[in-house]
């Protein structure tokens, strides 16, 4: 009979195999021998009642069910890690001064210092304000830090950061700037809407967090990719 609950150990084993797509590399990553790992995955498939992996001579690939378990397993492991981290933080275990009223704020290193200071000053004036630890991070790392408990709150920049699954509040709105050559038929210093600029190509760097979410519907046939020399 298939089970409806899974153990954290099983999820950790499966996620490692699913991410590596190779039992040997997954076993090395987990610090264990390959045979016990293979047996554990086979037992998991029997317990859950569906095949999760397709095995071949070159390695393994995920079945449709395996793709689902990888997505759900990552979220579940993040949740258990977050629970442990936030519980320790609530008990003052990870605070140099033993503070039990502390929040970790994640934000990218290039965030406006002036805006950050205004936010911290406003929050500090609240009667139940907690101690704030500011944790700098790279572009688009805030999501993962919130999900696995490294941070309790974050300053994020939509649409480059996904807000799915988070409670969020809009703090400010930033405009976009178009840099145009001299003599370009633009409306001068006035705002330039997308339909006006869509007659010219938009040059984009190779795909990355900051370029992947330009809305193609708002700039039809106007985006040109170029590889920059390294």
C-alpha atoms as a PDB file:
ATOM      1  CA  UNK A   1       0.000   0.000   0.000  1.00  0.00           C
ATOM      2  CA  UNK A   2       1.321   3.428  -0.952  1.00  0.00           C
ATOM      3  CA  UNK A   3       2.041   5.852   1.894  1.00  0.00           C
ATOM      4  CA  UNK A   4       0.919   9.461   2.247  1.00  0.00           C
ATOM      5  CA  UNK A   5       3.838  10.675   4.383  1.00  0.00           C
ATOM      6  CA  UNK A   6       7.554  10.836   3.689  1.00  0.00           C
ATOM      7  CA  UNK A   7      10.559  11.175   5.941  1.00  0.00           C
ATOM      8  CA  UNK A   8      12.975  14.094   5.712  1.00  0.00           C
ATOM      9  CA  UNK A   9      15.824  11.653   5.100  1.00  0.00           C
ATOM     10  CA  UNK A  10      14.012  10.176   2.100  1.00  0.00           C
ATOM     11  CA  UNK A  11      13.405  13.613   0.614  1.00  0.00           C
ATOM     12  CA  UNK A  12      17.023  14.628   1.141  1.00  0.00           C
ATOM     13  CA  UNK A  13      18.235  11.480  -0.624  1.00  0.00           C
ATOM     14  CA  UNK A  14      15.820  11.890  -3.515  1.00  0.00           C
ATOM     15  CA  UNK A  15      16.507  15.607  -4.050  1.00  0.00           C
ATOM     16  CA  UNK A  16      20.248  14.915  -4.214  1.00  0.00           C
ATOM     17  CA  UNK A  17      19.759  12.199  -6.854  1.00  0.00           C
ATOM     18  CA  UNK A  18      17.233  14.299  -8.782  1.00  0.00           C
ATOM     19  CA  UNK A  19      19.542  17.319  -8.872  1.00  0.00           C
ATOM     20  CA  UNK A  20      22.687  15.375  -9.748  1.00  0.00           C
ATOM     21  CA  UNK A  21      20.931  12.875 -12.056  1.00  0.00           C
ATOM     22  CA  UNK A  22      23.684  10.463 -11.094  1.00  0.00           C
ATOM     23  CA  UNK A  23      23.766   8.083  -8.115  1.00  0.00           C
ATOM     24  CA  UNK A  24      27.532   8.269  -7.694  1.00  0.00           C
ATOM     25  CA  UNK A  25      27.664  12.056  -7.520  1.00  0.00           C
ATOM     26  CA  UNK A  26      24.595  12.153  -5.269  1.00  0.00           C
ATOM     27  CA  UNK A  27      26.152   9.616  -2.884  1.00  0.00           C
ATOM     28  CA  UNK A  28      29.366  11.642  -2.742  1.00  0.00           C
ATOM     29  CA  UNK A  29      27.367  14.801  -2.045  1.00  0.00           C
ATOM     30  CA  UNK A  30      25.497  13.052   0.780  1.00  0.00           C
ATOM     31  CA  UNK A  31      28.667  11.512   2.222  1.00  0.00           C
ATOM     32  CA  UNK A  32      27.488   7.926   1.846  1.00  0.00           C
ATOM     33  CA  UNK A  33      28.113   4.865  -0.309  1.00  0.00           C
ATOM     34  CA  UNK A  34      26.176   4.432  -3.554  1.00  0.00           C
ATOM     35  CA  UNK A  35      24.533   1.006  -2.904  1.00  0.00           C
ATOM     36  CA  UNK A  36      22.599   2.126   0.224  1.00  0.00           C
ATOM     37  CA  UNK A  37      21.466   5.249  -1.635  1.00  0.00           C
ATOM     38  CA  UNK A  38      20.193   3.196  -4.579  1.00  0.00           C
ATOM     39  CA  UNK A  39      18.322   0.877  -2.226  1.00  0.00           C
ATOM     40  CA  UNK A  40      16.801   3.859  -0.375  1.00  0.00           C
ATOM     41  CA  UNK A  41      15.466   5.360  -3.623  1.00  0.00           C
ATOM     42  CA  UNK A  42      14.039   2.000  -4.714  1.00  0.00           C
ATOM     43  CA  UNK A  43      12.353   1.636  -1.325  1.00  0.00           C
ATOM     44  CA  UNK A  44      10.964   5.178  -1.664  1.00  0.00           C
ATOM     45  CA  UNK A  45       9.474   4.324  -5.062  1.00  0.00           C
ATOM     46  CA  UNK A  46       7.848   1.218  -3.603  1.00  0.00           C
ATOM     47  CA  UNK A  47       6.515   3.149  -0.621  1.00  0.00           C
ATOM     48  CA  UNK A  48       5.089   5.991  -2.670  1.00  0.00           C
ATOM     49  CA  UNK A  49       3.720   3.643  -5.328  1.00  0.00           C
ATOM     50  CA  UNK A  50       5.026   5.248  -8.565  1.00  0.00           C
ATOM     51  CA  UNK A  51       8.358   5.292 -10.443  1.00  0.00           C
ATOM     52  CA  UNK A  52      10.332   8.476  -9.809  1.00  0.00           C
ATOM     53  CA  UNK A  53      13.386   7.835 -11.981  1.00  0.00           C
ATOM     54  CA  UNK A  54      14.131   6.308 -15.363  1.00  0.00           C
ATOM     55  CA  UNK A  55      17.486   4.561 -15.246  1.00  0.00           C
ATOM     56  CA  UNK A  56      19.847   4.084 -18.182  1.00  0.00           C
ATOM     57  CA  UNK A  57      23.560   3.460 -18.779  1.00  0.00           C
ATOM     58  CA  UNK A  58      24.447   7.153 -18.699  1.00  0.00           C
ATOM     59  CA  UNK A  59      22.614   7.905 -15.471  1.00  0.00           C
ATOM     60  CA  UNK A  60      19.027   8.674 -14.577  1.00  0.00           C
ATOM     61  CA  UNK A  61      16.281  11.102 -15.582  1.00  0.00           C
ATOM     62  CA  UNK A  62      13.131  12.124 -13.766  1.00  0.00           C
ATOM     63  CA  UNK A  63       9.682  10.813 -14.538  1.00  0.00           C
ATOM     64  CA  UNK A  64       6.721  13.194 -14.403  1.00  0.00           C
ATOM     65  CA  UNK A  65       6.078  12.055 -10.846  1.00  0.00           C
ATOM     66  CA  UNK A  66       9.734  12.583 -10.033  1.00  0.00           C
ATOM     67  CA  UNK A  67       9.547  16.196 -11.263  1.00  0.00           C
ATOM     68  CA  UNK A  68       6.644  16.796  -8.887  1.00  0.00           C
ATOM     69  CA  UNK A  69       8.466  15.245  -5.938  1.00  0.00           C
ATOM     70  CA  UNK A  70      11.599  17.278  -6.677  1.00  0.00           C
ATOM     71  CA  UNK A  71       9.595  20.521  -6.565  1.00  0.00           C
ATOM     72  CA  UNK A  72       7.644  19.520  -3.463  1.00  0.00           C
ATOM     73  CA  UNK A  73      10.673  17.968  -1.788  1.00  0.00           C
ATOM     74  CA  UNK A  74      12.772  21.107  -2.144  1.00  0.00           C
ATOM     75  CA  UNK A  75       9.979  23.170  -0.605  1.00  0.00           C
ATOM     76  CA  UNK A  76       9.546  20.677   2.253  1.00  0.00           C
ATOM     77  CA  UNK A  77      13.273  20.590   3.027  1.00  0.00           C
ATOM     78  CA  UNK A  78      13.428  24.387   2.937  1.00  0.00           C
ATOM     79  CA  UNK A  79      10.489  24.494   5.349  1.00  0.00           C
ATOM     80  CA  UNK A  80      12.110  22.128   7.854  1.00  0.00           C
ATOM     81  CA  UNK A  81      15.394  24.048   7.652  1.00  0.00           C
ATOM     82  CA  UNK A  82      13.534  27.335   8.126  1.00  0.00           C
ATOM     83  CA  UNK A  83      11.705  25.924  11.147  1.00  0.00           C
ATOM     84  CA  UNK A  84      14.985  24.945  12.813  1.00  0.00           C
ATOM     85  CA  UNK A  85      16.717  28.257  12.031  1.00  0.00           C
ATOM     86  CA  UNK A  86      13.834  30.462  13.155  1.00  0.00           C
ATOM     87  CA  UNK A  87      13.306  28.413  16.315  1.00  0.00           C
ATOM     88  CA  UNK A  88      16.973  28.806  17.220  1.00  0.00           C
ATOM     89  CA  UNK A  89      16.758  32.531  16.480  1.00  0.00           C
ATOM     90  CA  UNK A  90      13.663  32.876  18.671  1.00  0.00           C
ATOM     91  CA  UNK A  91      15.569  31.245  21.505  1.00  0.00           C
ATOM     92  CA  UNK A  92      18.567  33.532  21.077  1.00  0.00           C
ATOM     93  CA  UNK A  93      20.869  30.641  20.141  1.00  0.00           C
ATOM     94  CA  UNK A  94      22.397  32.378  17.113  1.00  0.00           C
ATOM     95  CA  UNK A  95      22.618  35.888  18.577  1.00  0.00           C
ATOM     96  CA  UNK A  96      25.960  37.092  20.023  1.00  0.00           C
ATOM     97  CA  UNK A  97      24.068  38.866  22.811  1.00  0.00           C
ATOM     98  CA  UNK A  98      21.476  36.146  23.259  1.00  0.00           C
ATOM     99  CA  UNK A  99      18.661  38.390  21.997  1.00  0.00           C
ATOM    100  CA  UNK A 100      15.333  36.561  21.611  1.00  0.00           C
ATOM    101  CA  UNK A 101      13.660  39.394  19.732  1.00  0.00           C
ATOM    102  CA  UNK A 102      15.604  39.584  16.492  1.00  0.00           C
ATOM    103  CA  UNK A 103      14.694  39.694  12.810  1.00  0.00           C
ATOM    104  CA  UNK A 104      17.051  39.078   9.911  1.00  0.00           C
ATOM    105  CA  UNK A 105      16.529  41.436   6.969  1.00  0.00           C
ATOM    106  CA  UNK A 106      17.906  40.318   3.587  1.00  0.00           C
ATOM    107  CA  UNK A 107      18.614  42.853   0.862  1.00  0.00           C
ATOM    108  CA  UNK A 108      20.932  43.120  -2.113  1.00  0.00           C
ATOM    109  CA  UNK A 109      24.186  44.908  -1.382  1.00  0.00           C
ATOM    110  CA  UNK A 110      23.449  47.741  -3.836  1.00  0.00           C
ATOM    111  CA  UNK A 111      20.202  48.742  -2.104  1.00  0.00           C
ATOM    112  CA  UNK A 112      19.748  52.471  -1.394  1.00  0.00           C
ATOM    113  CA  UNK A 113      21.349  53.233   1.965  1.00  0.00           C
ATOM    114  CA  UNK A 114      19.129  56.306   2.380  1.00  0.00           C
ATOM    115  CA  UNK A 115      15.918  54.323   1.883  1.00  0.00           C
ATOM    116  CA  UNK A 116      17.130  51.529   4.163  1.00  0.00           C
ATOM    117  CA  UNK A 117      17.910  53.978   6.951  1.00  0.00           C
ATOM    118  CA  UNK A 118      14.454  55.571   6.645  1.00  0.00           C
ATOM    119  CA  UNK A 119      12.816  52.147   6.894  1.00  0.00           C
ATOM    120  CA  UNK A 120      14.916  51.110   9.897  1.00  0.00           C
ATOM    121  CA  UNK A 121      14.286  54.410  11.700  1.00  0.00           C
ATOM    122  CA  UNK A 122      10.526  54.144  11.090  1.00  0.00           C
ATOM    123  CA  UNK A 123      10.442  50.545  12.312  1.00  0.00           C
ATOM    124  CA  UNK A 124      12.578  51.328  15.382  1.00  0.00           C
ATOM    125  CA  UNK A 125       9.916  53.822  16.471  1.00  0.00           C
ATOM    126  CA  UNK A 126       7.347  51.011  16.775  1.00  0.00           C
ATOM    127  CA  UNK A 127       6.684  50.006  20.401  1.00  0.00           C
ATOM    128  CA  UNK A 128       7.280  46.280  19.759  1.00  0.00           C
ATOM    129  CA  UNK A 129      10.182  46.679  17.331  1.00  0.00           C
ATOM    130  CA  UNK A 130      12.658  43.805  17.236  1.00  0.00           C
ATOM    131  CA  UNK A 131      16.412  44.023  16.841  1.00  0.00           C
ATOM    132  CA  UNK A 132      17.252  44.031  13.108  1.00  0.00           C
ATOM    133  CA  UNK A 133      20.207  42.193  11.625  1.00  0.00           C
ATOM    134  CA  UNK A 134      20.874  43.318   8.039  1.00  0.00           C
ATOM    135  CA  UNK A 135      22.118  40.482   5.815  1.00  0.00           C
ATOM    136  CA  UNK A 136      23.452  41.628   2.404  1.00  0.00           C
ATOM    137  CA  UNK A 137      22.979  39.232  -0.502  1.00  0.00           C
ATOM    138  CA  UNK A 138      23.289  39.013  -4.266  1.00  0.00           C
ATOM    139  CA  UNK A 139      20.699  39.700  -6.938  1.00  0.00           C
ATOM    140  CA  UNK A 140      17.576  37.527  -6.535  1.00  0.00           C
ATOM    141  CA  UNK A 141      18.904  35.593  -3.523  1.00  0.00           C
ATOM    142  CA  UNK A 142      16.271  36.985  -1.157  1.00  0.00           C
ATOM    143  CA  UNK A 143      13.626  34.443  -2.193  1.00  0.00           C
ATOM    144  CA  UNK A 144      15.724  31.440  -1.208  1.00  0.00           C
ATOM    145  CA  UNK A 145      16.827  33.095   2.030  1.00  0.00           C
ATOM    146  CA  UNK A 146      13.214  33.655   3.062  1.00  0.00           C
ATOM    147  CA  UNK A 147      12.164  30.124   2.146  1.00  0.00           C
ATOM    148  CA  UNK A 148      14.959  28.339   4.031  1.00  0.00           C
ATOM    149  CA  UNK A 149      14.878  30.591   7.089  1.00  0.00           C
ATOM    150  CA  UNK A 150      18.154  32.452   6.685  1.00  0.00           C
ATOM    151  CA  UNK A 151      16.038  35.630   6.634  1.00  0.00           C
ATOM    152  CA  UNK A 152      12.718  36.632   8.176  1.00  0.00           C
ATOM    153  CA  UNK A 153      11.980  39.630   5.966  1.00  0.00           C
ATOM    154  CA  UNK A 154      13.491  40.999   2.762  1.00  0.00           C
ATOM    155  CA  UNK A 155      13.562  44.054   0.553  1.00  0.00           C
ATOM    156  CA  UNK A 156      12.767  42.757  -2.923  1.00  0.00           C
ATOM    157  CA  UNK A 157      12.496  44.271  -6.373  1.00  0.00           C
ATOM    158  CA  UNK A 158       9.601  43.123  -8.558  1.00  0.00           C
ATOM    159  CA  UNK A 159       9.523  41.738 -11.177  1.00  0.00           C
ATOM    160  CA  UNK A 160      13.123  40.570 -10.761  1.00  0.00           C
ATOM    161  CA  UNK A 161      12.225  38.942  -7.426  1.00  0.00           C
ATOM    162  CA  UNK A 162       9.228  36.619  -7.401  1.00  0.00           C
ATOM    163  CA  UNK A 163       6.740  37.506  -4.662  1.00  0.00           C
ATOM    164  CA  UNK A 164       4.762  34.261  -5.071  1.00  0.00           C
ATOM    165  CA  UNK A 165       3.948  32.733  -1.717  1.00  0.00           C
ATOM    166  CA  UNK A 166       5.020  35.780   0.307  1.00  0.00           C
ATOM    167  CA  UNK A 167       3.072  38.494   2.084  1.00  0.00           C
ATOM    168  CA  UNK A 168       4.333  41.720   0.541  1.00  0.00           C
ATOM    169  CA  UNK A 169       3.820  45.470   0.724  1.00  0.00           C
ATOM    170  CA  UNK A 170       4.843  47.952  -1.971  1.00  0.00           C
ATOM    171  CA  UNK A 171       7.269  50.551  -0.607  1.00  0.00           C
ATOM    172  CA  UNK A 172       8.138  52.512  -3.726  1.00  0.00           C
ATOM    173  CA  UNK A 173       7.904  52.478  -7.521  1.00  0.00           C
ATOM    174  CA  UNK A 174      10.892  53.056  -9.784  1.00  0.00           C
ATOM    175  CA  UNK A 175      10.732  54.151 -13.403  1.00  0.00           C
ATOM    176  CA  UNK A 176      12.711  52.833 -16.367  1.00  0.00           C
ATOM    177  CA  UNK A 177      15.241  54.916 -18.281  1.00  0.00           C
ATOM    178  CA  UNK A 178      15.813  54.686 -22.048  1.00  0.00           C
ATOM    179  CA  UNK A 179      19.278  55.705 -23.270  1.00  0.00           C
ATOM    180  CA  UNK A 180      18.949  56.895 -26.881  1.00  0.00           C
ATOM    181  CA  UNK A 181      21.483  58.197 -29.415  1.00  0.00           C
ATOM    182  CA  UNK A 182      21.591  61.867 -30.423  1.00  0.00           C
ATOM    183  CA  UNK A 183      19.078  62.622 -33.168  1.00  0.00           C
ATOM    184  CA  UNK A 184      16.757  59.760 -32.188  1.00  0.00           C
ATOM    185  CA  UNK A 185      13.078  60.570 -32.987  1.00  0.00           C
ATOM    186  CA  UNK A 186      12.044  60.533 -29.334  1.00  0.00           C
ATOM    187  CA  UNK A 187       9.688  62.853 -27.457  1.00  0.00           C
ATOM    188  CA  UNK A 188      12.620  64.619 -25.843  1.00  0.00           C
ATOM    189  CA  UNK A 189      12.603  64.988 -22.069  1.00  0.00           C
ATOM    190  CA  UNK A 190       8.993  63.823 -21.748  1.00  0.00           C
ATOM    191  CA  UNK A 191       8.193  60.221 -20.666  1.00  0.00           C
ATOM    192  CA  UNK A 192       8.633  57.763 -23.525  1.00  0.00           C
ATOM    193  CA  UNK A 193       5.969  54.985 -23.489  1.00  0.00           C
ATOM    194  CA  UNK A 194       6.776  51.460 -24.649  1.00  0.00           C
ATOM    195  CA  UNK A 195       4.773  51.717 -27.902  1.00  0.00           C
ATOM    196  CA  UNK A 196       6.910  54.684 -28.951  1.00  0.00           C
ATOM    197  CA  UNK A 197      10.197  53.001 -28.181  1.00  0.00           C
ATOM    198  CA  UNK A 198       9.095  49.666 -29.675  1.00  0.00           C
ATOM    199  CA  UNK A 199      10.031  50.873 -33.166  1.00  0.00           C
ATOM    200  CA  UNK A 200      13.713  50.684 -32.151  1.00  0.00           C
ATOM    201  CA  UNK A 201      15.620  47.580 -31.019  1.00  0.00           C
ATOM    202  CA  UNK A 202      16.148  47.015 -27.313  1.00  0.00           C
ATOM    203  CA  UNK A 203      19.615  45.656 -26.660  1.00  0.00           C
ATOM    204  CA  UNK A 204      19.795  43.073 -23.931  1.00  0.00           C
ATOM    205  CA  UNK A 205      22.702  41.363 -22.262  1.00  0.00           C
ATOM    206  CA  UNK A 206      22.731  37.547 -22.164  1.00  0.00           C
ATOM    207  CA  UNK A 207      19.848  36.036 -20.216  1.00  0.00           C
ATOM    208  CA  UNK A 208      20.059  36.577 -16.478  1.00  0.00           C
ATOM    209  CA  UNK A 209      17.894  37.572 -13.507  1.00  0.00           C
ATOM    210  CA  UNK A 210      17.677  41.203 -14.601  1.00  0.00           C
ATOM    211  CA  UNK A 211      16.848  40.518 -18.266  1.00  0.00           C
ATOM    212  CA  UNK A 212      14.813  37.330 -18.191  1.00  0.00           C
ATOM    213  CA  UNK A 213      11.607  39.043 -17.107  1.00  0.00           C
ATOM    214  CA  UNK A 214      11.316  41.837 -19.668  1.00  0.00           C
ATOM    215  CA  UNK A 215       7.731  41.470 -20.803  1.00  0.00           C
ATOM    216  CA  UNK A 216       7.840  40.582 -24.542  1.00  0.00           C
ATOM    217  CA  UNK A 217       4.197  41.605 -24.956  1.00  0.00           C
ATOM    218  CA  UNK A 218       5.101  45.170 -24.081  1.00  0.00           C
ATOM    219  CA  UNK A 219       8.054  45.312 -26.464  1.00  0.00           C
ATOM    220  CA  UNK A 220       6.977  43.224 -29.492  1.00  0.00           C
ATOM    221  CA  UNK A 221       9.729  42.392 -31.954  1.00  0.00           C
ATOM    222  CA  UNK A 222      11.940  45.022 -30.407  1.00  0.00           C
ATOM    223  CA  UNK A 223      14.359  42.961 -28.348  1.00  0.00           C
ATOM    224  CA  UNK A 224      17.751  42.079 -29.800  1.00  0.00           C
ATOM    225  CA  UNK A 225      20.167  39.827 -27.934  1.00  0.00           C
ATOM    226  CA  UNK A 226      23.875  40.502 -28.157  1.00  0.00           C
ATOM    227  CA  UNK A 227      26.811  38.687 -26.578  1.00  0.00           C
ATOM    228  CA  UNK A 228      29.172  41.127 -24.933  1.00  0.00           C
ATOM    229  CA  UNK A 229      32.932  40.493 -25.259  1.00  0.00           C
ATOM    230  CA  UNK A 230      34.441  39.182 -22.053  1.00  0.00           C
END
